[in-house]
Amino acid sequence: MPGLVTYLAAAVALILVPGPDTAFVLAQSVAAGRAAGVRAALGVAVGVCVHTVAAVVGLAALVRAAPALSDAAALAAGRARALFESTRARRWLGGVAGGATLALAGLAAREAL
């Protein structure tokens, strides 16, 4: 029984102490308003769900068995992020200079990698 009491005390303490997710949501809410806070909270929730699904399907065991998969996943995520950021920058700048096509914008993104 003392082990259960210790466990419950530790669990309650961990629940009550805010973590980096809470700090991020609060920072977004304060800096950009309620809508940004809600978007940040939804993003955190989606991330938790993705990690939970990965744990359920045994992705950690698979990556442990084949470390090259971890490297490939990191590379794919990095490329996806670079493509996302280049597309975002292109939209922010109002398009590609000189009326270039989307294919040229994609080429520029690939060259940045």
PDB file of N, CA and C in Angstrom:
ATOM      1  N   MET A   1       0.800  -1.201   0.000  1.00  0.00           N
ATOM      2  CA  MET A   1       0.000   0.000   0.000  1.00  0.00           C
ATOM      3  C   MET A   1       0.848   1.273   0.000  1.00  0.00           C
ATOM      4  N   PRO A   2       2.008   1.309   0.712  1.00  0.00           N
ATOM      5  CA  PRO A   2       2.817   2.530   0.665  1.00  0.00           C
ATOM      6  C   PRO A   2       3.326   2.829  -0.746  1.00  0.00           C
ATOM      7  N   GLY A   3       3.575   1.789  -1.535  1.00  0.00           N
ATOM      8  CA  GLY A   3       4.014   2.001  -2.910  1.00  0.00           C
ATOM      9  C   GLY A   3       2.941   2.678  -3.744  1.00  0.00           C
ATOM     10  N   LEU A   4       1.688   2.322  -3.515  1.00  0.00           N
ATOM     11  CA  LEU A   4       0.579   2.931  -4.244  1.00  0.00           C
ATOM     12  C   LEU A   4       0.441   4.401  -3.885  1.00  0.00           C
ATOM     13  N   VAL A   5       0.580   4.720  -2.609  1.00  0.00           N
ATOM     14  CA  VAL A   5       0.473   6.114  -2.167  1.00  0.00           C
ATOM     15  C   VAL A   5       1.600   6.943  -2.787  1.00  0.00           C
ATOM     16  N   THR A   6       2.794   6.398  -2.806  1.00  0.00           N
ATOM     17  CA  THR A   6       3.933   7.098  -3.411  1.00  0.00           C
ATOM     18  C   THR A   6       3.700   7.305  -4.902  1.00  0.00           C
ATOM     19  N   TYR A   7       3.209   6.273  -5.574  1.00  0.00           N
ATOM     20  CA  TYR A   7       2.925   6.377  -7.002  1.00  0.00           C
ATOM     21  C   TYR A   7       1.865   7.443  -7.269  1.00  0.00           C
ATOM     22  N   LEU A   8       0.780   7.431  -6.510  1.00  0.00           N
ATOM     23  CA  LEU A   8      -0.283   8.412  -6.710  1.00  0.00           C
ATOM     24  C   LEU A   8       0.213   9.832  -6.453  1.00  0.00           C
ATOM     25  N   ALA A   9       1.040  10.009  -5.425  1.00  0.00           N
ATOM     26  CA  ALA A   9       1.590  11.337  -5.144  1.00  0.00           C
ATOM     27  C   ALA A   9       2.460  11.817  -6.307  1.00  0.00           C
ATOM     28  N   ALA A  10       3.285  10.933  -6.834  1.00  0.00           N
ATOM     29  CA  ALA A  10       4.136  11.298  -7.969  1.00  0.00           C
ATOM     30  C   ALA A  10       3.297  11.590  -9.212  1.00  0.00           C
ATOM     31  N   ALA A  11       2.263  10.797  -9.450  1.00  0.00           N
ATOM     32  CA  ALA A  11       1.398  11.011 -10.615  1.00  0.00           C
ATOM     33  C   ALA A  11       0.688  12.354 -10.524  1.00  0.00           C
ATOM     34  N   VAL A  12       0.166  12.683  -9.356  1.00  0.00           N
ATOM     35  CA  VAL A  12      -0.523  13.967  -9.173  1.00  0.00           C
ATOM     36  C   VAL A  12       0.460  15.117  -9.365  1.00  0.00           C
ATOM     37  N   ALA A  13       1.670  14.988  -8.831  1.00  0.00           N
ATOM     38  CA  ALA A  13       2.674  16.046  -8.995  1.00  0.00           C
ATOM     39  C   ALA A  13       3.011  16.251 -10.469  1.00  0.00           C
ATOM     40  N   LEU A  14       3.161  15.172 -11.210  1.00  0.00           N
ATOM     41  CA  LEU A  14       3.474  15.294 -12.636  1.00  0.00           C
ATOM     42  C   LEU A  14       2.325  15.909 -13.424  1.00  0.00           C
ATOM     43  N   ILE A  15       1.114  15.634 -13.016  1.00  0.00           N
ATOM     44  CA  ILE A  15      -0.044  16.205 -13.701  1.00  0.00           C
ATOM     45  C   ILE A  15      -0.155  17.698 -13.424  1.00  0.00           C
ATOM     46  N   LEU A  16       0.144  18.108 -12.203  1.00  0.00           N
ATOM     47  CA  LEU A  16      -0.024  19.506 -11.817  1.00  0.00           C
ATOM     48  C   LEU A  16       1.094  20.417 -12.313  1.00  0.00           C
ATOM     49  N   VAL A  17       2.284  19.881 -12.519  1.00  0.00           N
ATOM     50  CA  VAL A  17       3.414  20.702 -12.954  1.00  0.00           C
ATOM     51  C   VAL A  17       3.301  20.928 -14.461  1.00  0.00           C
ATOM     52  N   PRO A  18       3.251  22.187 -14.890  1.00  0.00           N
ATOM     53  CA  PRO A  18       3.150  22.434 -16.331  1.00  0.00           C
ATOM     54  C   PRO A  18       4.450  22.083 -17.038  1.00  0.00           C
ATOM     55  N   GLY A  19       4.306  21.563 -18.227  1.00  0.00           N
ATOM     56  CA  GLY A  19       5.473  21.176 -19.012  1.00  0.00           C
ATOM     57  C   GLY A  19       5.685  22.121 -20.176  1.00  0.00           C
ATOM     58  N   PRO A  20       6.561  21.762 -21.099  1.00  0.00           N
ATOM     59  CA  PRO A  20       6.842  22.623 -22.243  1.00  0.00           C
ATOM     60  C   PRO A  20       5.630  22.799 -23.161  1.00  0.00           C
ATOM     61  N   ASP A  21       4.765  21.795 -23.228  1.00  0.00           N
ATOM     62  CA  ASP A  21       3.556  21.939 -24.051  1.00  0.00           C
ATOM     63  C   ASP A  21       2.673  23.054 -23.512  1.00  0.00           C
ATOM     64  N   THR A  22       2.488  23.056 -22.205  1.00  0.00           N
ATOM     65  CA  THR A  22       1.662  24.089 -21.580  1.00  0.00           C
ATOM     66  C   THR A  22       2.295  25.459 -21.768  1.00  0.00           C
ATOM     67  N   ALA A  23       3.599  25.544 -21.599  1.00  0.00           N
ATOM     68  CA  ALA A  23       4.290  26.821 -21.783  1.00  0.00           C
ATOM     69  C   ALA A  23       4.140  27.319 -23.221  1.00  0.00           C
ATOM     70  N   PHE A  24       4.228  26.411 -24.189  1.00  0.00           N
ATOM     71  CA  PHE A  24       4.076  26.795 -25.593  1.00  0.00           C
ATOM     72  C   PHE A  24       2.675  27.322 -25.872  1.00  0.00           C
ATOM     73  N   VAL A  25       1.666  26.614 -25.384  1.00  0.00           N
ATOM     74  CA  VAL A  25       0.283  27.043 -25.610  1.00  0.00           C
ATOM     75  C   VAL A  25       0.036  28.393 -24.947  1.00  0.00           C
ATOM     76  N   LEU A  26       0.518  28.569 -23.730  1.00  0.00           N
ATOM     77  CA  LEU A  26       0.351  29.853 -23.046  1.00  0.00           C
ATOM     78  C   LEU A  26       1.065  30.976 -23.794  1.00  0.00           C
ATOM     79  N   ALA A  27       2.272  30.722 -24.261  1.00  0.00           N
ATOM     80  CA  ALA A  27       3.020  31.747 -24.993  1.00  0.00           C
ATOM     81  C   ALA A  27       2.293  32.142 -26.273  1.00  0.00           C
ATOM     82  N   GLN A  28       1.767  31.161 -26.991  1.00  0.00           N
ATOM     83  CA  GLN A  28       1.026  31.464 -28.216  1.00  0.00           C
ATOM     84  C   GLN A  28      -0.236  32.259 -27.915  1.00  0.00           C
ATOM     85  N   SER A  29      -0.915  31.892 -26.837  1.00  0.00           N
ATOM     86  CA  SER A  29      -2.144  32.590 -26.459  1.00  0.00           C
ATOM     87  C   SER A  29      -1.866  34.036 -26.089  1.00  0.00           C
ATOM     88  N   VAL A  30      -0.818  34.254 -25.322  1.00  0.00           N
ATOM     89  CA  VAL A  30      -0.485  35.612 -24.889  1.00  0.00           C
ATOM     90  C   VAL A  30       0.008  36.444 -26.067  1.00  0.00           C
ATOM     91  N   ALA A  31       0.827  35.860 -26.925  1.00  0.00           N
ATOM     92  CA  ALA A  31       1.426  36.610 -28.026  1.00  0.00           C
ATOM     93  C   ALA A  31       0.444  36.904 -29.156  1.00  0.00           C
ATOM     94  N   ALA A  32      -0.419  35.939 -29.476  1.00  0.00           N
ATOM     95  CA  ALA A  32      -1.243  36.098 -30.680  1.00  0.00           C
ATOM     96  C   ALA A  32      -2.739  35.923 -30.451  1.00  0.00           C
ATOM     97  N   GLY A  33      -3.161  35.722 -29.223  1.00  0.00           N
ATOM     98  CA  GLY A  33      -4.590  35.651 -28.952  1.00  0.00           C
ATOM     99  C   GLY A  33      -5.131  34.242 -28.805  1.00  0.00           C
ATOM    100  N   ARG A  34      -6.440  34.203 -28.576  1.00  0.00           N
ATOM    101  CA  ARG A  34      -7.120  32.941 -28.288  1.00  0.00           C
ATOM    102  C   ARG A  34      -7.040  31.954 -29.445  1.00  0.00           C
ATOM    103  N   ALA A  35      -7.238  32.431 -30.662  1.00  0.00           N
ATOM    104  CA  ALA A  35      -7.227  31.520 -31.818  1.00  0.00           C
ATOM    105  C   ALA A  35      -5.869  30.833 -31.964  1.00  0.00           C
ATOM    106  N   ALA A  36      -4.795  31.579 -31.771  1.00  0.00           N
ATOM    107  CA  ALA A  36      -3.459  30.980 -31.857  1.00  0.00           C
ATOM    108  C   ALA A  36      -3.252  29.973 -30.735  1.00  0.00           C
ATOM    109  N   GLY A  37      -3.778  30.267 -29.560  1.00  0.00           N
ATOM    110  CA  GLY A  37      -3.676  29.329 -28.445  1.00  0.00           C
ATOM    111  C   GLY A  37      -4.424  28.041 -28.716  1.00  0.00           C
ATOM    112  N   VAL A  38      -5.600  28.164 -29.312  1.00  0.00           N
ATOM    113  CA  VAL A  38      -6.382  26.971 -29.650  1.00  0.00           C
ATOM    114  C   VAL A  38      -5.658  26.152 -30.715  1.00  0.00           C
ATOM    115  N   ARG A  39      -5.091  26.834 -31.720  1.00  0.00           N
ATOM    116  CA  ARG A  39      -4.332  26.106 -32.746  1.00  0.00           C
ATOM    117  C   ARG A  39      -3.125  25.399 -32.133  1.00  0.00           C
ATOM    118  N   ALA A  40      -2.443  26.067 -31.218  1.00  0.00           N
ATOM    119  CA  ALA A  40      -1.289  25.447 -30.562  1.00  0.00           C
ATOM    120  C   ALA A  40      -1.722  24.241 -29.740  1.00  0.00           C
ATOM    121  N   ALA A  41      -2.831  24.371 -29.020  1.00  0.00           N
ATOM    122  CA  ALA A  41      -3.325  23.250 -28.211  1.00  0.00           C
ATOM    123  C   ALA A  41      -3.724  22.072 -29.098  1.00  0.00           C
ATOM    124  N   LEU A  42      -4.365  22.356 -30.223  1.00  0.00           N
ATOM    125  CA  LEU A  42      -4.730  21.282 -31.149  1.00  0.00           C
ATOM    126  C   LEU A  42      -3.482  20.624 -31.740  1.00  0.00           C
ATOM    127  N   GLY A  43      -2.470  21.418 -32.043  1.00  0.00           N
ATOM    128  CA  GLY A  43      -1.223  20.857 -32.551  1.00  0.00           C
ATOM    129  C   GLY A  43      -0.546  19.951 -31.540  1.00  0.00           C
ATOM    130  N   VAL A  44      -0.545  20.369 -30.283  1.00  0.00           N
ATOM    131  CA  VAL A  44       0.033  19.540 -29.220  1.00  0.00           C
ATOM    132  C   VAL A  44      -0.759  18.246 -29.087  1.00  0.00           C
ATOM    133  N   ALA A  45      -2.085  18.342 -29.142  1.00  0.00           N
ATOM    134  CA  ALA A  45      -2.924  17.147 -29.016  1.00  0.00           C
ATOM    135  C   ALA A  45      -2.681  16.180 -30.173  1.00  0.00           C
ATOM    136  N   VAL A  46      -2.549  16.700 -31.384  1.00  0.00           N
ATOM    137  CA  VAL A  46      -2.265  15.840 -32.538  1.00  0.00           C
ATOM    138  C   VAL A  46      -0.909  15.160 -32.367  1.00  0.00           C
ATOM    139  N   GLY A  47       0.079  15.905 -31.886  1.00  0.00           N
ATOM    140  CA  GLY A  47       1.395  15.315 -31.648  1.00  0.00           C
ATOM    141  C   GLY A  47       1.352  14.192 -30.629  1.00  0.00           C
ATOM    142  N   VAL A  48       0.595  14.387 -29.556  1.00  0.00           N
ATOM    143  CA  VAL A  48       0.456  13.343 -28.537  1.00  0.00           C
ATOM    144  C   VAL A  48      -0.228  12.118 -29.136  1.00  0.00           C
ATOM    145  N   CYS A  49      -1.240  12.342 -29.959  1.00  0.00           N
ATOM    146  CA  CYS A  49      -1.936  11.210 -30.595  1.00  0.00           C
ATOM    147  C   CYS A  49      -1.001  10.443 -31.531  1.00  0.00           C
ATOM    148  N   VAL A  50      -0.182  11.158 -32.290  1.00  0.00           N
ATOM    149  CA  VAL A  50       0.762  10.495 -33.195  1.00  0.00           C
ATOM    150  C   VAL A  50       1.750   9.651 -32.399  1.00  0.00           C
ATOM    151  N   HIS A  51       2.270  10.199 -31.301  1.00  0.00           N
ATOM    152  CA  HIS A  51       3.204   9.430 -30.473  1.00  0.00           C
ATOM    153  C   HIS A  51       2.525   8.216 -29.854  1.00  0.00           C
ATOM    154  N   THR A  52       1.274   8.374 -29.446  1.00  0.00           N
ATOM    155  CA  THR A  52       0.546   7.253 -28.853  1.00  0.00           C
ATOM    156  C   THR A  52       0.333   6.143 -29.877  1.00  0.00           C
ATOM    157  N   VAL A  53      -0.081   6.509 -31.075  1.00  0.00           N
ATOM    158  CA  VAL A  53      -0.286   5.507 -32.126  1.00  0.00           C
ATOM    159  C   VAL A  53       1.034   4.816 -32.463  1.00  0.00           C
ATOM    160  N   ALA A  54       2.115   5.584 -32.527  1.00  0.00           N
ATOM    161  CA  ALA A  54       3.423   4.982 -32.810  1.00  0.00           C
ATOM    162  C   ALA A  54       3.812   3.984 -31.723  1.00  0.00           C
ATOM    163  N   ALA A  55       3.506   4.315 -30.476  1.00  0.00           N
ATOM    164  CA  ALA A  55       3.820   3.392 -29.378  1.00  0.00           C
ATOM    165  C   ALA A  55       2.960   2.140 -29.458  1.00  0.00           C
ATOM    166  N   VAL A  56       1.693   2.315 -29.808  1.00  0.00           N
ATOM    167  CA  VAL A  56       0.780   1.174 -29.871  1.00  0.00           C
ATOM    168  C   VAL A  56       1.188   0.200 -30.972  1.00  0.00           C
ATOM    169  N   VAL A  57       1.590   0.720 -32.114  1.00  0.00           N
ATOM    170  CA  VAL A  57       1.947  -0.170 -33.221  1.00  0.00           C
ATOM    171  C   VAL A  57       3.373  -0.699 -33.113  1.00  0.00           C
ATOM    172  N   GLY A  58       4.099  -0.285 -32.095  1.00  0.00           N
ATOM    173  CA  GLY A  58       5.437  -0.817 -31.870  1.00  0.00           C
ATOM    174  C   GLY A  58       6.511  -0.204 -32.736  1.00  0.00           C
ATOM    175  N   LEU A  59       6.351   1.054 -33.081  1.00  0.00           N
ATOM    176  CA  LEU A  59       7.327   1.715 -33.944  1.00  0.00           C
ATOM    177  C   LEU A  59       8.699   1.805 -33.281  1.00  0.00           C
ATOM    178  N   ALA A  60       8.732   1.990 -31.965  1.00  0.00           N
ATOM    179  CA  ALA A  60      10.018   2.087 -31.261  1.00  0.00           C
ATOM    180  C   ALA A  60      10.802   0.785 -31.393  1.00  0.00           C
ATOM    181  N   ALA A  61      10.122  -0.340 -31.261  1.00  0.00           N
ATOM    182  CA  ALA A  61      10.803  -1.632 -31.395  1.00  0.00           C
ATOM    183  C   ALA A  61      11.321  -1.823 -32.819  1.00  0.00           C
ATOM    184  N   LEU A  62      10.548  -1.371 -33.792  1.00  0.00           N
ATOM    185  CA  LEU A  62      10.972  -1.482 -35.185  1.00  0.00           C
ATOM    186  C   LEU A  62      12.210  -0.633 -35.450  1.00  0.00           C
ATOM    187  N   VAL A  63      12.215   0.589 -34.937  1.00  0.00           N
ATOM    188  CA  VAL A  63      13.362   1.472 -35.136  1.00  0.00           C
ATOM    189  C   VAL A  63      14.582   0.936 -34.395  1.00  0.00           C
ATOM    190  N   ARG A  64      14.360   0.355 -33.217  1.00  0.00           N
ATOM    191  CA  ARG A  64      15.467  -0.228 -32.466  1.00  0.00           C
ATOM    192  C   ARG A  64      16.069  -1.407 -33.234  1.00  0.00           C
ATOM    193  N   ALA A  65      15.224  -2.161 -33.923  1.00  0.00           N
ATOM    194  CA  ALA A  65      15.703  -3.315 -34.680  1.00  0.00           C
ATOM    195  C   ALA A  65      16.421  -2.889 -35.962  1.00  0.00           C
ATOM    196  N   ALA A  66      16.011  -1.773 -36.552  1.00  0.00           N
ATOM    197  CA  ALA A  66      16.621  -1.287 -37.795  1.00  0.00           C
ATOM    198  C   ALA A  66      16.902   0.212 -37.665  1.00  0.00           C
ATOM    199  N   PRO A  67      18.057   0.593 -37.125  1.00  0.00           N
ATOM    200  CA  PRO A  67      18.369   2.014 -36.910  1.00  0.00           C
ATOM    201  C   PRO A  67      18.368   2.851 -38.188  1.00  0.00           C
ATOM    202  N   ALA A  68      18.563   2.239 -39.331  1.00  0.00           N
ATOM    203  CA  ALA A  68      18.541   2.993 -40.584  1.00  0.00           C
ATOM    204  C   ALA A  68      17.164   3.598 -40.832  1.00  0.00           C
ATOM    205  N   LEU A  69      16.118   2.960 -40.307  1.00  0.00           N
ATOM    206  CA  LEU A  69      14.770   3.519 -40.451  1.00  0.00           C
ATOM    207  C   LEU A  69      14.656   4.862 -39.747  1.00  0.00           C
ATOM    208  N   SER A  70      15.300   4.989 -38.606  1.00  0.00           N
ATOM    209  CA  SER A  70      15.278   6.251 -37.877  1.00  0.00           C
ATOM    210  C   SER A  70      15.941   7.351 -38.694  1.00  0.00           C
ATOM    211  N   ASP A  71      17.074   7.034 -39.303  1.00  0.00           N
ATOM    212  CA  ASP A  71      17.768   8.009 -40.139  1.00  0.00           C
ATOM    213  C   ASP A  71      16.923   8.387 -41.351  1.00  0.00           C
ATOM    214  N   ALA A  72      16.287   7.406 -41.962  1.00  0.00           N
ATOM    215  CA  ALA A  72      15.443   7.674 -43.128  1.00  0.00           C
ATOM    216  C   ALA A  72      14.244   8.533 -42.750  1.00  0.00           C
ATOM    217  N   ALA A  73      13.645   8.255 -41.603  1.00  0.00           N
ATOM    218  CA  ALA A  73      12.500   9.049 -41.149  1.00  0.00           C
ATOM    219  C   ALA A  73      12.922  10.480 -40.853  1.00  0.00           C
ATOM    220  N   ALA A  74      14.076  10.658 -40.228  1.00  0.00           N
ATOM    221  CA  ALA A  74      14.566  12.006 -39.932  1.00  0.00           C
ATOM    222  C   ALA A  74      14.857  12.768 -41.223  1.00  0.00           C
ATOM    223  N   LEU A  75      15.436  12.100 -42.195  1.00  0.00           N
ATOM    224  CA  LEU A  75      15.723  12.729 -43.479  1.00  0.00           C
ATOM    225  C   LEU A  75      14.431  13.121 -44.191  1.00  0.00           C
ATOM    226  N   ALA A  76      13.454  12.232 -44.192  1.00  0.00           N
ATOM    227  CA  ALA A  76      12.172  12.534 -44.835  1.00  0.00           C
ATOM    228  C   ALA A  76      11.474  13.693 -44.135  1.00  0.00           C
ATOM    229  N   ALA A  77      11.512  13.709 -42.816  1.00  0.00           N
ATOM    230  CA  ALA A  77      10.884  14.803 -42.071  1.00  0.00           C
ATOM    231  C   ALA A  77      11.594  16.120 -42.352  1.00  0.00           C
ATOM    232  N   GLY A  78      12.903  16.090 -42.443  1.00  0.00           N
ATOM    233  CA  GLY A  78      13.659  17.302 -42.750  1.00  0.00           C
ATOM    234  C   GLY A  78      13.340  17.836 -44.132  1.00  0.00           C
ATOM    235  N   ARG A  79      13.231  16.933 -45.085  1.00  0.00           N
ATOM    236  CA  ARG A  79      12.887  17.362 -46.443  1.00  0.00           C
ATOM    237  C   ARG A  79      11.472  17.921 -46.509  1.00  0.00           C
ATOM    238  N   ALA A  80      10.557  17.277 -45.813  1.00  0.00           N
ATOM    239  CA  ALA A  80       9.180  17.775 -45.793  1.00  0.00           C
ATOM    240  C   ALA A  80       9.127  19.163 -45.166  1.00  0.00           C
ATOM    241  N   ARG A  81       9.882  19.367 -44.104  1.00  0.00           N
ATOM    242  CA  ARG A  81       9.910  20.671 -43.444  1.00  0.00           C
ATOM    243  C   ARG A  81      10.496  21.731 -44.370  1.00  0.00           C
ATOM    244  N   ALA A  82      11.578  21.397 -45.080  1.00  0.00           N
ATOM    245  CA  ALA A  82      12.192  22.349 -46.002  1.00  0.00           C
ATOM    246  C   ALA A  82      11.233  22.708 -47.131  1.00  0.00           C
ATOM    247  N   LEU A  83      10.518  21.728 -47.649  1.00  0.00           N
ATOM    248  CA  LEU A  83       9.542  21.993 -48.701  1.00  0.00           C
ATOM    249  C   LEU A  83       8.415  22.872 -48.184  1.00  0.00           C
ATOM    250  N   PHE A  84       7.937  22.584 -46.975  1.00  0.00           N
ATOM    251  CA  PHE A  84       6.886  23.386 -46.363  1.00  0.00           C
ATOM    252  C   PHE A  84       7.343  24.833 -46.186  1.00  0.00           C
ATOM    253  N   GLU A  85       8.549  25.015 -45.661  1.00  0.00           N
ATOM    254  CA  GLU A  85       9.053  26.368 -45.419  1.00  0.00           C
ATOM    255  C   GLU A  85       9.282  27.121 -46.725  1.00  0.00           C
ATOM    256  N   SER A  86       9.764  26.432 -47.762  1.00  0.00           N
ATOM    257  CA  SER A  86       9.979  27.111 -49.038  1.00  0.00           C
ATOM    258  C   SER A  86       8.654  27.516 -49.670  1.00  0.00           C
ATOM    259  N   THR A  87       7.640  26.677 -49.538  1.00  0.00           N
ATOM    260  CA  THR A  87       6.318  27.023 -50.050  1.00  0.00           C
ATOM    261  C   THR A  87       5.744  28.204 -49.285  1.00  0.00           C
ATOM    262  N   ARG A  88       5.924  28.190 -47.983  1.00  0.00           N
ATOM    263  CA  ARG A  88       5.439  29.290 -47.147  1.00  0.00           C
ATOM    264  C   ARG A  88       6.146  30.601 -47.505  1.00  0.00           C
ATOM    265  N   ALA A  89       7.444  30.541 -47.716  1.00  0.00           N
ATOM    266  CA  ALA A  89       8.198  31.740 -48.078  1.00  0.00           C
ATOM    267  C   ALA A  89       7.764  32.250 -49.446  1.00  0.00           C
ATOM    268  N   ARG A  90       7.518  31.329 -50.355  1.00  0.00           N
ATOM    269  CA  ARG A  90       7.070  31.714 -51.694  1.00  0.00           C
ATOM    270  C   ARG A  90       5.738  32.437 -51.639  1.00  0.00           C
ATOM    271  N   ARG A  91       4.826  31.925 -50.830  1.00  0.00           N
ATOM    272  CA  ARG A  91       3.526  32.584 -50.682  1.00  0.00           C
ATOM    273  C   ARG A  91       3.682  33.943 -50.023  1.00  0.00           C
ATOM    274  N   TRP A  92       4.569  34.028 -49.037  1.00  0.00           N
ATOM    275  CA  TRP A  92       4.765  35.277 -48.317  1.00  0.00           C
ATOM    276  C   TRP A  92       5.344  36.342 -49.241  1.00  0.00           C
ATOM    277  N   LEU A  93       6.227  35.922 -50.158  1.00  0.00           N
ATOM    278  CA  LEU A  93       6.836  36.862 -51.085  1.00  0.00           C
ATOM    279  C   LEU A  93       5.913  37.196 -52.254  1.00  0.00           C
ATOM    280  N   GLY A  94       4.772  36.543 -52.340  1.00  0.00           N
ATOM    281  CA  GLY A  94       3.829  36.834 -53.400  1.00  0.00           C
ATOM    282  C   GLY A  94       4.127  36.098 -54.690  1.00  0.00           C
ATOM    283  N   GLY A  95       4.801  35.009 -54.617  1.00  0.00           N
ATOM    284  CA  GLY A  95       5.111  34.227 -55.804  1.00  0.00           C
ATOM    285  C   GLY A  95       6.600  34.242 -56.082  1.00  0.00           C
ATOM    286  N   VAL A  96       6.979  33.509 -57.078  1.00  0.00           N
ATOM    287  CA  VAL A  96       8.385  33.414 -57.453  1.00  0.00           C
ATOM    288  C   VAL A  96       8.708  34.571 -58.381  1.00  0.00           C
ATOM    289  N   ALA A  97       9.851  35.177 -58.218  1.00  0.00           N
ATOM    290  CA  ALA A  97      10.246  36.335 -59.015  1.00  0.00           C
ATOM    291  C   ALA A  97      10.296  35.989 -60.497  1.00  0.00           C
ATOM    292  N   GLY A  98       9.851  36.920 -61.329  1.00  0.00           N
ATOM    293  CA  GLY A  98       9.931  36.732 -62.767  1.00  0.00           C
ATOM    294  C   GLY A  98       8.869  35.814 -63.331  1.00  0.00           C
ATOM    295  N   GLY A  99       7.844  35.481 -62.556  1.00  0.00           N
ATOM    296  CA  GLY A  99       6.766  34.645 -63.047  1.00  0.00           C
ATOM    297  C   GLY A  99       7.161  33.197 -63.253  1.00  0.00           C
ATOM    298  N   ALA A 100       8.147  32.722 -62.536  1.00  0.00           N
ATOM    299  CA  ALA A 100       8.577  31.331 -62.681  1.00  0.00           C
ATOM    300  C   ALA A 100       7.467  30.390 -62.231  1.00  0.00           C
ATOM    301  N   THR A 101       7.524  29.198 -62.696  1.00  0.00           N
ATOM    302  CA  THR A 101       6.483  28.222 -62.389  1.00  0.00           C
ATOM    303  C   THR A 101       6.721  27.572 -61.038  1.00  0.00           C
ATOM    304  N   LEU A 102       5.722  26.818 -60.604  1.00  0.00           N
ATOM    305  CA  LEU A 102       5.833  26.092 -59.345  1.00  0.00           C
ATOM    306  C   LEU A 102       6.944  25.054 -59.420  1.00  0.00           C
ATOM    307  N   ALA A 103       7.192  24.515 -60.606  1.00  0.00           N
ATOM    308  CA  ALA A 103       8.272  23.536 -60.760  1.00  0.00           C
ATOM    309  C   ALA A 103       9.620  24.166 -60.435  1.00  0.00           C
ATOM    310  N   LEU A 104       9.818  25.407 -60.842  1.00  0.00           N
ATOM    311  CA  LEU A 104      11.070  26.093 -60.514  1.00  0.00           C
ATOM    312  C   LEU A 104      11.163  26.371 -59.023  1.00  0.00           C
ATOM    313  N   ALA A 105      10.031  26.663 -58.396  1.00  0.00           N
ATOM    314  CA  ALA A 105      10.040  26.865 -56.945  1.00  0.00           C
ATOM    315  C   ALA A 105      10.416  25.573 -56.241  1.00  0.00           C
ATOM    316  N   GLY A 106       9.907  24.440 -56.745  1.00  0.00           N
ATOM    317  CA  GLY A 106      10.276  23.144 -56.183  1.00  0.00           C
ATOM    318  C   GLY A 106      11.748  22.846 -56.398  1.00  0.00           C
ATOM    319  N   LEU A 107      12.272  23.234 -57.555  1.00  0.00           N
ATOM    320  CA  LEU A 107      13.694  23.049 -57.835  1.00  0.00           C
ATOM    321  C   LEU A 107      14.532  23.857 -56.851  1.00  0.00           C
ATOM    322  N   ALA A 108      14.104  25.084 -56.573  1.00  0.00           N
ATOM    323  CA  ALA A 108      14.824  25.912 -55.602  1.00  0.00           C
ATOM    324  C   ALA A 108      14.790  25.271 -54.224  1.00  0.00           C
ATOM    325  N   ALA A 109      13.663  24.660 -53.872  1.00  0.00           N
ATOM    326  CA  ALA A 109      13.562  23.989 -52.576  1.00  0.00           C
ATOM    327  C   ALA A 109      14.501  22.793 -52.521  1.00  0.00           C
ATOM    328  N   ARG A 110      14.593  22.029 -53.615  1.00  0.00           N
ATOM    329  CA  ARG A 110      15.497  20.878 -53.643  1.00  0.00           C
ATOM    330  C   ARG A 110      16.955  21.318 -53.563  1.00  0.00           C
ATOM    331  N   GLU A 111      17.276  22.435 -54.214  1.00  0.00           N
ATOM    332  CA  GLU A 111      18.651  22.929 -54.160  1.00  0.00           C
ATOM    333  C   GLU A 111      19.011  23.394 -52.756  1.00  0.00           C
ATOM    334  N   ALA A 112      18.018  23.857 -51.999  1.00  0.00           N
ATOM    335  CA  ALA A 112      18.274  24.304 -50.631  1.00  0.00           C
ATOM    336  C   ALA A 112      18.604  23.134 -49.723  1.00  0.00           C
ATOM    337  N   LEU A 113      18.179  21.930 -50.112  1.00  0.00           N
ATOM    338  CA  LEU A 113      18.462  20.750 -49.300  1.00  0.00           C
ATOM    339  C   LEU A 113      19.881  20.342 -49.505  1.00  0.00           C
TER     340      LEU A 113
END
